[in-house]
Amino acid sequence: MKRLVFIRHASTVANENGLLCGSMETDISEKGKLEIDYLKNKIEKLKQEGNWKFSKVYVSNSKRTEETVKDIADIENLEIIKIKDLGEIDFGDFEGKTFEWIKNEYPKEYDKICREGFEYRYPNGENAIEAYEKNKRAIEYILEDMEDDSTDIICAHGGSIRNILSYMLCGKLENHWNFKIENAKITVLEYDYGFSVLTKLNY
C-alpha cells in the first residue's frame, strides 16, 4: 500500500487578495507563515499516531509549495523533488487579476469563462482539461516512483490537488469542484492495486 500525504501550500498574498495565481510567483503571507508552524506539528502528530516514516517530498515548481514543506523536509532529512506537472492551472494573461476585474474589464471574456466551463482556455494560458491532464501525468509518475509500503508528501495547489483527487477517486475531471482543499491542510489517500481510499480531508 502506498500512502500519499497531500498538502496545499500555505496562504499567500495572492490568496488573501483573491488574485488568480497559477504560474506566477507569490509570497507566503504572514498568516501562511503561522500555518506552516502549525502544519509541522500536525505532521509530527500523524507520524506518531500512525507510525509513519516519510520517504520522499514532492512539490511543484512554484516556490510557495517548496517553502511550505521545506522545514518538514529538513527535519525528515529528505530531498525535495520538483515536478513541473504538479503545477496549478496557468491563467495566462489573467495571472494576478481577480474575476471581478475580468468581469469589469473584459465582460465578453468573463461570459466565456462562465459558459465554456472546463473547456475555457485562459488567453495565453491553459484550460481546465489541460491542467487535469498534466496533474494526471504528475501523479502517475509519482505512483511509479514510490516504493511499495511507503508514505510520501506531495505539496501542491488547490486546483492540482482537486484534479488528482478527481482522477484517483472518480476517474474524471467533472468531480473537480466536489473537493474543497484548504491552505496548509493535509489530505491523505491510500493507494493499493489501483484502488484509492480517502482517509483524511483538510486535516
N, C-alpha and C. Protein backbone atom coordinates (compact mmCIF):
# COMPACT_ATOMS: atom_id res chain seq x y z
N MET A 1 0.84 -1.19 0.00
CA MET A 1 0.00 0.00 0.00
C MET A 1 0.88 1.26 0.00
N LYS A 2 0.49 2.22 -0.82
CA LYS A 2 1.21 3.49 -0.88
C LYS A 2 0.32 4.57 -0.27
N ARG A 3 0.92 5.37 0.59
CA ARG A 3 0.16 6.44 1.26
C ARG A 3 0.65 7.79 0.73
N LEU A 4 -0.28 8.58 0.22
CA LEU A 4 0.04 9.90 -0.33
C LEU A 4 -0.51 10.97 0.60
N VAL A 5 0.38 11.80 1.09
CA VAL A 5 0.02 12.86 2.02
C VAL A 5 0.07 14.19 1.25
N PHE A 6 -1.09 14.65 0.83
CA PHE A 6 -1.17 15.90 0.06
C PHE A 6 -1.26 17.10 1.00
N ILE A 7 -0.54 18.14 0.67
CA ILE A 7 -0.61 19.40 1.41
C ILE A 7 -0.77 20.53 0.40
N ARG A 8 -1.81 21.33 0.59
CA ARG A 8 -1.88 22.55 -0.23
C ARG A 8 -0.95 23.58 0.39
N HIS A 9 -0.26 24.33 -0.44
CA HIS A 9 0.67 25.34 0.06
C HIS A 9 -0.01 26.29 1.04
N ALA A 10 0.77 26.88 1.91
CA ALA A 10 0.26 27.83 2.90
C ALA A 10 -0.31 29.07 2.21
N SER A 11 -1.10 29.83 2.94
CA SER A 11 -1.74 31.03 2.40
C SER A 11 -0.71 32.01 1.85
N THR A 12 -1.07 32.62 0.74
CA THR A 12 -0.17 33.57 0.07
C THR A 12 -0.80 34.95 -0.02
N VAL A 13 0.00 35.91 -0.40
CA VAL A 13 -0.50 37.27 -0.62
C VAL A 13 -1.57 37.25 -1.71
N ALA A 14 -1.36 36.47 -2.75
CA ALA A 14 -2.35 36.38 -3.84
C ALA A 14 -3.65 35.77 -3.34
N ASN A 15 -3.58 34.70 -2.54
CA ASN A 15 -4.78 34.09 -1.98
C ASN A 15 -5.60 35.12 -1.21
N GLU A 16 -4.93 35.88 -0.38
CA GLU A 16 -5.63 36.80 0.52
C GLU A 16 -6.22 37.99 -0.21
N ASN A 17 -5.75 38.23 -1.44
CA ASN A 17 -6.30 39.33 -2.24
C ASN A 17 -7.20 38.84 -3.37
N GLY A 18 -7.50 37.53 -3.36
CA GLY A 18 -8.41 36.97 -4.36
C GLY A 18 -7.86 36.98 -5.78
N LEU A 19 -6.54 36.94 -5.92
CA LEU A 19 -5.93 37.02 -7.25
C LEU A 19 -5.78 35.64 -7.87
N LEU A 20 -5.99 35.56 -9.18
CA LEU A 20 -5.72 34.33 -9.91
C LEU A 20 -4.21 34.13 -9.93
N CYS A 21 -3.77 33.00 -9.43
CA CYS A 21 -2.34 32.77 -9.30
C CYS A 21 -2.03 31.32 -9.61
N GLY A 22 -1.58 31.08 -10.83
CA GLY A 22 -1.22 29.74 -11.24
C GLY A 22 0.27 29.64 -11.47
N SER A 23 0.73 30.16 -12.60
CA SER A 23 2.15 30.07 -12.95
C SER A 23 2.99 31.17 -12.31
N MET A 24 2.37 32.29 -11.92
CA MET A 24 3.16 33.38 -11.34
C MET A 24 3.54 33.05 -9.90
N GLU A 25 4.61 33.70 -9.44
CA GLU A 25 5.05 33.51 -8.07
C GLU A 25 4.35 34.51 -7.15
N THR A 26 4.19 34.11 -5.90
CA THR A 26 3.61 34.98 -4.88
C THR A 26 4.19 34.58 -3.54
N ASP A 27 4.33 35.53 -2.65
CA ASP A 27 4.95 35.26 -1.35
C ASP A 27 3.97 34.61 -0.38
N ILE A 28 4.51 33.78 0.51
CA ILE A 28 3.73 33.29 1.64
C ILE A 28 3.39 34.48 2.52
N SER A 29 2.13 34.61 2.93
CA SER A 29 1.70 35.73 3.76
C SER A 29 2.07 35.49 5.23
N GLU A 30 1.86 36.50 6.06
CA GLU A 30 2.11 36.33 7.49
C GLU A 30 1.22 35.24 8.07
N LYS A 31 -0.02 35.21 7.63
CA LYS A 31 -0.92 34.13 8.05
C LYS A 31 -0.37 32.78 7.63
N GLY A 32 0.16 32.72 6.41
CA GLY A 32 0.72 31.48 5.89
C GLY A 32 1.91 30.99 6.70
N LYS A 33 2.74 31.92 7.18
CA LYS A 33 3.89 31.54 7.99
C LYS A 33 3.45 30.88 9.29
N LEU A 34 2.37 31.37 9.87
CA LEU A 34 1.82 30.75 11.08
C LEU A 34 1.26 29.37 10.75
N GLU A 35 0.63 29.25 9.58
CA GLU A 35 0.09 27.95 9.15
C GLU A 35 1.19 26.91 9.01
N ILE A 36 2.34 27.33 8.51
CA ILE A 36 3.46 26.40 8.33
C ILE A 36 3.92 25.84 9.67
N ASP A 37 3.99 26.69 10.69
CA ASP A 37 4.37 26.21 12.02
C ASP A 37 3.36 25.20 12.54
N TYR A 38 2.08 25.49 12.35
CA TYR A 38 1.03 24.58 12.80
C TYR A 38 1.07 23.28 12.01
N LEU A 39 1.37 23.39 10.71
CA LEU A 39 1.45 22.22 9.84
C LEU A 39 2.52 21.25 10.31
N LYS A 40 3.66 21.77 10.71
CA LYS A 40 4.75 20.92 11.20
C LYS A 40 4.30 20.09 12.40
N ASN A 41 3.53 20.71 13.28
CA ASN A 41 3.02 19.99 14.45
C ASN A 41 2.04 18.90 14.05
N LYS A 42 1.19 19.19 13.07
CA LYS A 42 0.21 18.20 12.62
C LYS A 42 0.89 17.01 11.95
N ILE A 43 1.92 17.29 11.16
CA ILE A 43 2.67 16.21 10.51
C ILE A 43 3.32 15.32 11.56
N GLU A 44 3.90 15.93 12.58
CA GLU A 44 4.54 15.15 13.64
C GLU A 44 3.51 14.30 14.38
N LYS A 45 2.33 14.86 14.60
CA LYS A 45 1.26 14.11 15.28
C LYS A 45 0.83 12.90 14.45
N LEU A 46 0.66 13.09 13.15
CA LEU A 46 0.29 11.98 12.27
C LEU A 46 1.37 10.90 12.26
N LYS A 47 2.62 11.33 12.25
CA LYS A 47 3.73 10.37 12.29
C LYS A 47 3.65 9.49 13.54
N GLN A 48 3.43 10.14 14.67
CA GLN A 48 3.40 9.40 15.93
C GLN A 48 2.19 8.48 16.01
N GLU A 49 1.03 8.99 15.60
CA GLU A 49 -0.20 8.20 15.70
C GLU A 49 -0.19 7.00 14.75
N GLY A 50 0.32 7.21 13.55
CA GLY A 50 0.28 6.14 12.54
C GLY A 50 1.58 5.40 12.36
N ASN A 51 2.59 5.80 13.13
CA ASN A 51 3.92 5.20 12.98
C ASN A 51 4.41 5.33 11.53
N TRP A 52 4.21 6.53 10.97
CA TRP A 52 4.60 6.79 9.59
C TRP A 52 6.07 7.15 9.50
N LYS A 53 6.68 6.76 8.41
CA LYS A 53 8.04 7.19 8.07
C LYS A 53 8.01 7.69 6.64
N PHE A 54 8.29 8.96 6.45
CA PHE A 54 8.23 9.55 5.12
C PHE A 54 9.46 9.17 4.30
N SER A 55 9.21 8.92 3.01
CA SER A 55 10.29 8.52 2.10
C SER A 55 10.74 9.65 1.18
N LYS A 56 9.76 10.42 0.66
CA LYS A 56 10.09 11.46 -0.31
C LYS A 56 9.13 12.64 -0.14
N VAL A 57 9.58 13.80 -0.62
CA VAL A 57 8.74 15.00 -0.64
C VAL A 57 8.72 15.53 -2.07
N TYR A 58 7.54 15.63 -2.65
CA TYR A 58 7.37 16.16 -4.00
C TYR A 58 6.69 17.53 -3.93
N VAL A 59 7.13 18.45 -4.76
CA VAL A 59 6.50 19.77 -4.85
C VAL A 59 6.38 20.17 -6.32
N SER A 60 5.60 21.21 -6.59
CA SER A 60 5.57 21.78 -7.93
C SER A 60 6.78 22.70 -8.09
N ASN A 61 6.88 23.35 -9.24
CA ASN A 61 7.99 24.28 -9.46
C ASN A 61 7.79 25.63 -8.77
N SER A 62 6.62 25.86 -8.20
CA SER A 62 6.32 27.14 -7.56
C SER A 62 6.97 27.21 -6.17
N LYS A 63 7.59 28.33 -5.87
CA LYS A 63 8.32 28.44 -4.61
C LYS A 63 7.39 28.33 -3.40
N ARG A 64 6.11 28.66 -3.56
CA ARG A 64 5.21 28.59 -2.41
C ARG A 64 5.01 27.16 -1.92
N THR A 65 5.12 26.19 -2.82
CA THR A 65 5.00 24.80 -2.37
C THR A 65 6.26 24.36 -1.64
N GLU A 66 7.41 24.71 -2.18
CA GLU A 66 8.67 24.32 -1.54
C GLU A 66 8.82 24.98 -0.17
N GLU A 67 8.46 26.26 -0.08
CA GLU A 67 8.58 26.97 1.19
C GLU A 67 7.66 26.38 2.26
N THR A 68 6.52 25.85 1.83
CA THR A 68 5.56 25.29 2.78
C THR A 68 6.11 24.04 3.47
N VAL A 69 6.87 23.23 2.75
CA VAL A 69 7.32 21.95 3.32
C VAL A 69 8.83 21.88 3.54
N LYS A 70 9.54 22.98 3.34
CA LYS A 70 11.00 22.96 3.48
C LYS A 70 11.43 22.50 4.87
N ASP A 71 10.82 23.06 5.90
CA ASP A 71 11.20 22.70 7.27
C ASP A 71 10.91 21.23 7.55
N ILE A 72 9.78 20.74 7.04
CA ILE A 72 9.43 19.33 7.23
C ILE A 72 10.46 18.44 6.55
N ALA A 73 10.84 18.79 5.33
CA ALA A 73 11.84 18.01 4.60
C ALA A 73 13.18 18.03 5.33
N ASP A 74 13.54 19.19 5.88
CA ASP A 74 14.81 19.30 6.62
C ASP A 74 14.78 18.42 7.87
N ILE A 75 13.67 18.46 8.60
CA ILE A 75 13.54 17.66 9.82
C ILE A 75 13.64 16.17 9.49
N GLU A 76 13.00 15.77 8.39
CA GLU A 76 12.98 14.36 8.00
C GLU A 76 14.22 13.95 7.19
N ASN A 77 15.07 14.95 6.90
CA ASN A 77 16.29 14.71 6.11
C ASN A 77 15.94 14.13 4.73
N LEU A 78 14.98 14.78 4.07
CA LEU A 78 14.51 14.31 2.77
C LEU A 78 14.78 15.35 1.69
N GLU A 79 15.16 14.88 0.52
CA GLU A 79 15.33 15.76 -0.63
C GLU A 79 13.97 16.19 -1.15
N ILE A 80 13.87 17.44 -1.58
CA ILE A 80 12.64 17.93 -2.19
C ILE A 80 12.73 17.71 -3.70
N ILE A 81 11.76 16.99 -4.25
CA ILE A 81 11.74 16.65 -5.67
C ILE A 81 10.72 17.55 -6.37
N LYS A 82 11.17 18.33 -7.34
CA LYS A 82 10.28 19.24 -8.06
C LYS A 82 9.70 18.57 -9.30
N ILE A 83 8.39 18.69 -9.45
CA ILE A 83 7.70 18.13 -10.61
C ILE A 83 6.84 19.23 -11.23
N LYS A 84 7.22 19.66 -12.40
CA LYS A 84 6.53 20.77 -13.07
C LYS A 84 5.05 20.49 -13.25
N ASP A 85 4.70 19.25 -13.58
CA ASP A 85 3.30 18.92 -13.87
C ASP A 85 2.40 18.90 -12.64
N LEU A 86 2.96 19.13 -11.44
CA LEU A 86 2.12 19.31 -10.25
C LEU A 86 1.56 20.72 -10.16
N GLY A 87 1.94 21.57 -11.11
CA GLY A 87 1.57 22.98 -11.06
C GLY A 87 0.08 23.25 -11.18
N GLU A 88 -0.30 24.43 -10.72
CA GLU A 88 -1.66 24.93 -10.84
C GLU A 88 -1.96 25.25 -12.30
N ILE A 89 -3.22 25.42 -12.63
CA ILE A 89 -3.59 25.85 -13.97
C ILE A 89 -2.92 27.19 -14.28
N ASP A 90 -2.50 27.37 -15.51
CA ASP A 90 -1.88 28.62 -15.96
C ASP A 90 -2.99 29.56 -16.42
N PHE A 91 -3.16 30.66 -15.68
CA PHE A 91 -4.21 31.63 -16.01
C PHE A 91 -3.79 32.61 -17.10
N GLY A 92 -2.62 32.42 -17.67
CA GLY A 92 -2.19 33.22 -18.81
C GLY A 92 -2.20 34.72 -18.54
N ASP A 93 -2.84 35.46 -19.44
CA ASP A 93 -2.87 36.92 -19.33
C ASP A 93 -3.63 37.41 -18.11
N PHE A 94 -4.40 36.53 -17.48
CA PHE A 94 -5.18 36.93 -16.31
C PHE A 94 -4.51 36.59 -14.98
N GLU A 95 -3.24 36.14 -15.06
CA GLU A 95 -2.49 35.93 -13.82
C GLU A 95 -2.42 37.26 -13.04
N GLY A 96 -2.67 37.18 -11.74
CA GLY A 96 -2.59 38.36 -10.89
C GLY A 96 -3.83 39.24 -10.92
N LYS A 97 -4.87 38.80 -11.64
CA LYS A 97 -6.13 39.55 -11.71
C LYS A 97 -7.21 38.84 -10.89
N THR A 98 -8.28 39.54 -10.61
CA THR A 98 -9.43 38.93 -9.94
C THR A 98 -10.53 38.66 -10.97
N PHE A 99 -11.45 37.76 -10.61
CA PHE A 99 -12.59 37.53 -11.51
C PHE A 99 -13.43 38.79 -11.66
N GLU A 100 -13.51 39.58 -10.60
CA GLU A 100 -14.27 40.83 -10.66
C GLU A 100 -13.63 41.78 -11.67
N TRP A 101 -12.31 41.83 -11.69
CA TRP A 101 -11.60 42.67 -12.66
C TRP A 101 -11.88 42.20 -14.08
N ILE A 102 -11.83 40.90 -14.30
CA ILE A 102 -12.11 40.36 -15.64
C ILE A 102 -13.54 40.71 -16.05
N LYS A 103 -14.47 40.57 -15.11
CA LYS A 103 -15.88 40.86 -15.39
C LYS A 103 -16.07 42.31 -15.81
N ASN A 104 -15.34 43.22 -15.16
CA ASN A 104 -15.48 44.65 -15.46
C ASN A 104 -14.72 45.07 -16.71
N GLU A 105 -13.51 44.53 -16.89
CA GLU A 105 -12.65 44.97 -17.99
C GLU A 105 -12.88 44.17 -19.28
N TYR A 106 -13.22 42.91 -19.12
CA TYR A 106 -13.42 42.02 -20.29
C TYR A 106 -14.71 41.22 -20.12
N PRO A 107 -15.85 41.90 -20.14
CA PRO A 107 -17.13 41.22 -19.88
C PRO A 107 -17.42 40.05 -20.84
N LYS A 108 -17.01 40.18 -22.10
CA LYS A 108 -17.24 39.08 -23.05
C LYS A 108 -16.40 37.86 -22.68
N GLU A 109 -15.17 38.12 -22.23
CA GLU A 109 -14.29 37.03 -21.83
C GLU A 109 -14.83 36.36 -20.56
N TYR A 110 -15.34 37.18 -19.65
CA TYR A 110 -15.93 36.65 -18.41
C TYR A 110 -17.13 35.77 -18.73
N ASP A 111 -17.93 36.21 -19.69
CA ASP A 111 -19.09 35.41 -20.11
C ASP A 111 -18.64 34.07 -20.69
N LYS A 112 -17.54 34.08 -21.43
CA LYS A 112 -17.00 32.83 -21.98
C LYS A 112 -16.54 31.89 -20.87
N ILE A 113 -15.92 32.45 -19.84
CA ILE A 113 -15.50 31.63 -18.69
C ILE A 113 -16.70 30.90 -18.10
N CYS A 114 -17.79 31.64 -17.91
CA CYS A 114 -19.00 31.06 -17.31
C CYS A 114 -19.65 30.04 -18.23
N ARG A 115 -19.68 30.31 -19.53
CA ARG A 115 -20.37 29.44 -20.48
C ARG A 115 -19.56 28.18 -20.82
N GLU A 116 -18.28 28.34 -21.00
CA GLU A 116 -17.46 27.23 -21.50
C GLU A 116 -16.93 26.31 -20.41
N GLY A 117 -16.90 26.78 -19.18
CA GLY A 117 -16.50 25.91 -18.07
C GLY A 117 -15.12 25.32 -18.24
N PHE A 118 -15.03 23.98 -18.13
CA PHE A 118 -13.74 23.30 -18.21
C PHE A 118 -13.02 23.53 -19.54
N GLU A 119 -13.78 23.82 -20.60
CA GLU A 119 -13.17 23.98 -21.92
C GLU A 119 -12.59 25.38 -22.15
N TYR A 120 -12.91 26.32 -21.26
CA TYR A 120 -12.42 27.68 -21.45
C TYR A 120 -10.90 27.73 -21.26
N ARG A 121 -10.21 28.27 -22.25
CA ARG A 121 -8.75 28.43 -22.15
C ARG A 121 -8.43 29.89 -21.87
N TYR A 122 -7.70 30.11 -20.78
CA TYR A 122 -7.28 31.48 -20.47
C TYR A 122 -6.33 31.98 -21.55
N PRO A 123 -6.46 33.24 -21.97
CA PRO A 123 -5.60 33.78 -23.03
C PRO A 123 -4.12 33.57 -22.71
N ASN A 124 -3.43 32.89 -23.62
CA ASN A 124 -2.01 32.55 -23.43
C ASN A 124 -1.77 31.66 -22.21
N GLY A 125 -2.81 30.93 -21.81
CA GLY A 125 -2.70 30.03 -20.68
C GLY A 125 -3.28 28.66 -21.01
N GLU A 126 -3.89 28.02 -20.01
CA GLU A 126 -4.43 26.68 -20.16
C GLU A 126 -5.93 26.67 -19.92
N ASN A 127 -6.56 25.56 -20.29
CA ASN A 127 -7.92 25.31 -19.82
C ASN A 127 -7.87 24.21 -18.76
N ALA A 128 -9.00 23.96 -18.12
CA ALA A 128 -9.05 23.01 -17.01
C ALA A 128 -8.71 21.59 -17.46
N ILE A 129 -9.05 21.26 -18.70
CA ILE A 129 -8.77 19.92 -19.21
C ILE A 129 -7.26 19.70 -19.32
N GLU A 130 -6.57 20.71 -19.84
CA GLU A 130 -5.11 20.61 -19.96
C GLU A 130 -4.44 20.54 -18.59
N ALA A 131 -4.95 21.30 -17.64
CA ALA A 131 -4.39 21.27 -16.29
C ALA A 131 -4.61 19.90 -15.65
N TYR A 132 -5.79 19.33 -15.87
CA TYR A 132 -6.11 17.99 -15.35
C TYR A 132 -5.15 16.95 -15.92
N GLU A 133 -4.90 17.03 -17.21
CA GLU A 133 -4.03 16.05 -17.86
C GLU A 133 -2.59 16.15 -17.35
N LYS A 134 -2.10 17.37 -17.13
CA LYS A 134 -0.72 17.49 -16.64
C LYS A 134 -0.63 17.00 -15.20
N ASN A 135 -1.65 17.29 -14.37
CA ASN A 135 -1.64 16.80 -12.99
C ASN A 135 -1.78 15.29 -12.94
N LYS A 136 -2.53 14.74 -13.88
CA LYS A 136 -2.65 13.28 -14.01
C LYS A 136 -1.30 12.66 -14.32
N ARG A 137 -0.56 13.28 -15.24
CA ARG A 137 0.79 12.78 -15.56
C ARG A 137 1.69 12.82 -14.33
N ALA A 138 1.55 13.89 -13.55
CA ALA A 138 2.39 14.04 -12.36
C ALA A 138 2.13 12.93 -11.36
N ILE A 139 0.87 12.65 -11.07
CA ILE A 139 0.58 11.64 -10.05
C ILE A 139 0.91 10.24 -10.55
N GLU A 140 0.75 10.00 -11.83
CA GLU A 140 1.14 8.70 -12.38
C GLU A 140 2.65 8.49 -12.25
N TYR A 141 3.41 9.56 -12.49
CA TYR A 141 4.86 9.47 -12.31
C TYR A 141 5.21 9.21 -10.84
N ILE A 142 4.55 9.93 -9.93
CA ILE A 142 4.83 9.77 -8.50
C ILE A 142 4.51 8.36 -8.03
N LEU A 143 3.37 7.84 -8.44
CA LEU A 143 2.99 6.48 -8.04
C LEU A 143 4.00 5.45 -8.55
N GLU A 144 4.52 5.69 -9.74
CA GLU A 144 5.54 4.79 -10.29
C GLU A 144 6.86 4.93 -9.53
N ASP A 145 7.14 6.15 -9.11
CA ASP A 145 8.41 6.44 -8.42
C ASP A 145 8.41 5.97 -6.97
N MET A 146 7.23 5.88 -6.36
CA MET A 146 7.13 5.50 -4.95
C MET A 146 7.49 4.03 -4.72
N GLU A 147 8.08 3.78 -3.57
CA GLU A 147 8.33 2.40 -3.16
C GLU A 147 7.04 1.81 -2.60
N ASP A 148 6.92 0.49 -2.65
CA ASP A 148 5.79 -0.16 -2.02
C ASP A 148 5.83 0.09 -0.51
N ASP A 149 4.65 0.21 0.10
CA ASP A 149 4.54 0.43 1.54
C ASP A 149 5.26 1.70 2.01
N SER A 150 5.24 2.72 1.16
CA SER A 150 5.88 3.98 1.54
C SER A 150 4.83 5.06 1.77
N THR A 151 5.25 6.10 2.48
CA THR A 151 4.42 7.26 2.75
C THR A 151 5.16 8.49 2.26
N ASP A 152 4.61 9.19 1.28
CA ASP A 152 5.29 10.34 0.68
C ASP A 152 4.43 11.59 0.79
N ILE A 153 5.10 12.73 0.88
CA ILE A 153 4.43 14.03 0.96
C ILE A 153 4.40 14.67 -0.43
N ILE A 154 3.25 15.22 -0.79
CA ILE A 154 3.10 15.93 -2.07
C ILE A 154 2.51 17.30 -1.76
N CYS A 155 3.31 18.34 -1.91
CA CYS A 155 2.82 19.70 -1.66
C CYS A 155 2.53 20.36 -3.00
N ALA A 156 1.28 20.74 -3.18
CA ALA A 156 0.86 21.29 -4.47
C ALA A 156 -0.15 22.41 -4.25
N HIS A 157 -1.10 22.54 -5.15
CA HIS A 157 -2.02 23.67 -5.19
C HIS A 157 -3.46 23.19 -5.07
N GLY A 158 -4.35 24.12 -4.74
CA GLY A 158 -5.75 23.74 -4.60
C GLY A 158 -6.29 23.06 -5.83
N GLY A 159 -6.05 23.66 -6.99
CA GLY A 159 -6.56 23.10 -8.24
C GLY A 159 -5.92 21.77 -8.59
N SER A 160 -4.62 21.67 -8.41
CA SER A 160 -3.94 20.43 -8.79
C SER A 160 -4.30 19.28 -7.85
N ILE A 161 -4.49 19.56 -6.57
CA ILE A 161 -4.91 18.50 -5.65
C ILE A 161 -6.34 18.07 -5.96
N ARG A 162 -7.22 19.01 -6.29
CA ARG A 162 -8.59 18.64 -6.70
C ARG A 162 -8.56 17.77 -7.95
N ASN A 163 -7.70 18.13 -8.89
CA ASN A 163 -7.58 17.32 -10.11
C ASN A 163 -7.12 15.90 -9.80
N ILE A 164 -6.14 15.77 -8.93
CA ILE A 164 -5.60 14.45 -8.59
C ILE A 164 -6.64 13.62 -7.84
N LEU A 165 -7.36 14.24 -6.92
CA LEU A 165 -8.42 13.51 -6.21
C LEU A 165 -9.51 13.08 -7.19
N SER A 166 -9.87 13.97 -8.11
CA SER A 166 -10.89 13.64 -9.11
C SER A 166 -10.46 12.44 -9.94
N TYR A 167 -9.18 12.41 -10.31
CA TYR A 167 -8.65 11.32 -11.12
C TYR A 167 -8.57 10.02 -10.32
N MET A 168 -8.00 10.09 -9.13
CA MET A 168 -7.75 8.87 -8.37
C MET A 168 -9.00 8.28 -7.72
N LEU A 169 -9.96 9.13 -7.39
CA LEU A 169 -11.17 8.64 -6.72
C LEU A 169 -12.35 8.46 -7.67
N CYS A 170 -12.40 9.27 -8.72
CA CYS A 170 -13.57 9.28 -9.60
C CYS A 170 -13.24 8.97 -11.06
N GLY A 171 -11.99 9.14 -11.44
CA GLY A 171 -11.58 8.84 -12.80
C GLY A 171 -11.98 9.87 -13.83
N LYS A 172 -12.40 11.06 -13.38
CA LYS A 172 -12.82 12.07 -14.36
C LYS A 172 -12.73 13.47 -13.76
N LEU A 173 -12.52 14.44 -14.64
CA LEU A 173 -12.38 15.84 -14.26
C LEU A 173 -13.66 16.41 -13.68
N GLU A 174 -14.80 15.90 -14.10
CA GLU A 174 -16.08 16.50 -13.73
C GLU A 174 -16.31 16.61 -12.23
N ASN A 175 -15.58 15.84 -11.43
CA ASN A 175 -15.74 15.90 -9.97
C ASN A 175 -14.81 16.92 -9.32
N HIS A 176 -14.10 17.68 -10.12
CA HIS A 176 -13.11 18.65 -9.63
C HIS A 176 -13.66 19.53 -8.50
N TRP A 177 -14.84 20.09 -8.71
CA TRP A 177 -15.36 21.05 -7.73
C TRP A 177 -16.08 20.40 -6.56
N ASN A 178 -16.07 19.07 -6.50
CA ASN A 178 -16.65 18.37 -5.35
C ASN A 178 -15.70 18.35 -4.15
N PHE A 179 -14.48 18.79 -4.36
CA PHE A 179 -13.48 18.77 -3.28
C PHE A 179 -13.06 20.20 -2.93
N LYS A 180 -13.14 20.52 -1.65
CA LYS A 180 -12.65 21.81 -1.16
C LYS A 180 -11.31 21.56 -0.48
N ILE A 181 -10.26 22.18 -0.98
CA ILE A 181 -8.91 21.96 -0.46
C ILE A 181 -8.41 23.27 0.16
N GLU A 182 -8.14 23.24 1.45
CA GLU A 182 -7.77 24.45 2.18
C GLU A 182 -6.25 24.60 2.30
N ASN A 183 -5.82 25.84 2.41
CA ASN A 183 -4.39 26.12 2.53
C ASN A 183 -3.77 25.45 3.75
N ALA A 184 -2.59 24.87 3.54
CA ALA A 184 -1.78 24.27 4.61
C ALA A 184 -2.52 23.16 5.36
N LYS A 185 -3.50 22.54 4.72
CA LYS A 185 -4.21 21.42 5.32
C LYS A 185 -3.77 20.13 4.64
N ILE A 186 -3.95 19.03 5.37
CA ILE A 186 -3.46 17.72 4.94
C ILE A 186 -4.61 16.86 4.43
N THR A 187 -4.42 16.25 3.28
CA THR A 187 -5.37 15.30 2.72
C THR A 187 -4.61 14.01 2.42
N VAL A 188 -5.16 12.88 2.85
CA VAL A 188 -4.43 11.61 2.74
C VAL A 188 -5.20 10.61 1.88
N LEU A 189 -4.49 10.00 0.93
CA LEU A 189 -5.03 8.92 0.12
C LEU A 189 -4.18 7.67 0.34
N GLU A 190 -4.84 6.54 0.47
CA GLU A 190 -4.14 5.26 0.49
C GLU A 190 -4.43 4.54 -0.82
N TYR A 191 -3.38 4.09 -1.47
CA TYR A 191 -3.47 3.53 -2.82
C TYR A 191 -2.92 2.11 -2.83
N ASP A 192 -3.73 1.17 -3.33
CA ASP A 192 -3.29 -0.22 -3.36
C ASP A 192 -3.95 -0.92 -4.54
N TYR A 193 -3.14 -1.54 -5.39
CA TYR A 193 -3.63 -2.31 -6.54
C TYR A 193 -4.64 -1.52 -7.38
N GLY A 194 -4.32 -0.25 -7.63
CA GLY A 194 -5.16 0.57 -8.49
C GLY A 194 -6.40 1.14 -7.83
N PHE A 195 -6.54 0.94 -6.52
CA PHE A 195 -7.73 1.40 -5.80
C PHE A 195 -7.32 2.44 -4.77
N SER A 196 -8.04 3.56 -4.74
CA SER A 196 -7.70 4.67 -3.84
C SER A 196 -8.77 4.87 -2.78
N VAL A 197 -8.33 5.13 -1.55
CA VAL A 197 -9.24 5.40 -0.44
C VAL A 197 -8.84 6.73 0.21
N LEU A 198 -9.80 7.64 0.34
CA LEU A 198 -9.57 8.92 1.00
C LEU A 198 -9.73 8.72 2.50
N THR A 199 -8.65 8.93 3.26
CA THR A 199 -8.71 8.70 4.71
C THR A 199 -8.72 9.98 5.52
N LYS A 200 -8.24 11.08 4.94
CA LYS A 200 -8.30 12.38 5.61
C LYS A 200 -8.49 13.47 4.57
N LEU A 201 -9.29 14.48 4.93
CA LEU A 201 -9.52 15.62 4.04
C LEU A 201 -9.44 16.90 4.87
N ASN A 202 -8.50 17.78 4.51
CA ASN A 202 -8.32 19.06 5.21
C ASN A 202 -8.09 18.87 6.70
N TYR A 203 -7.21 17.93 7.04
CA TYR A 203 -6.86 17.70 8.45
C TYR A 203 -5.99 18.84 8.97
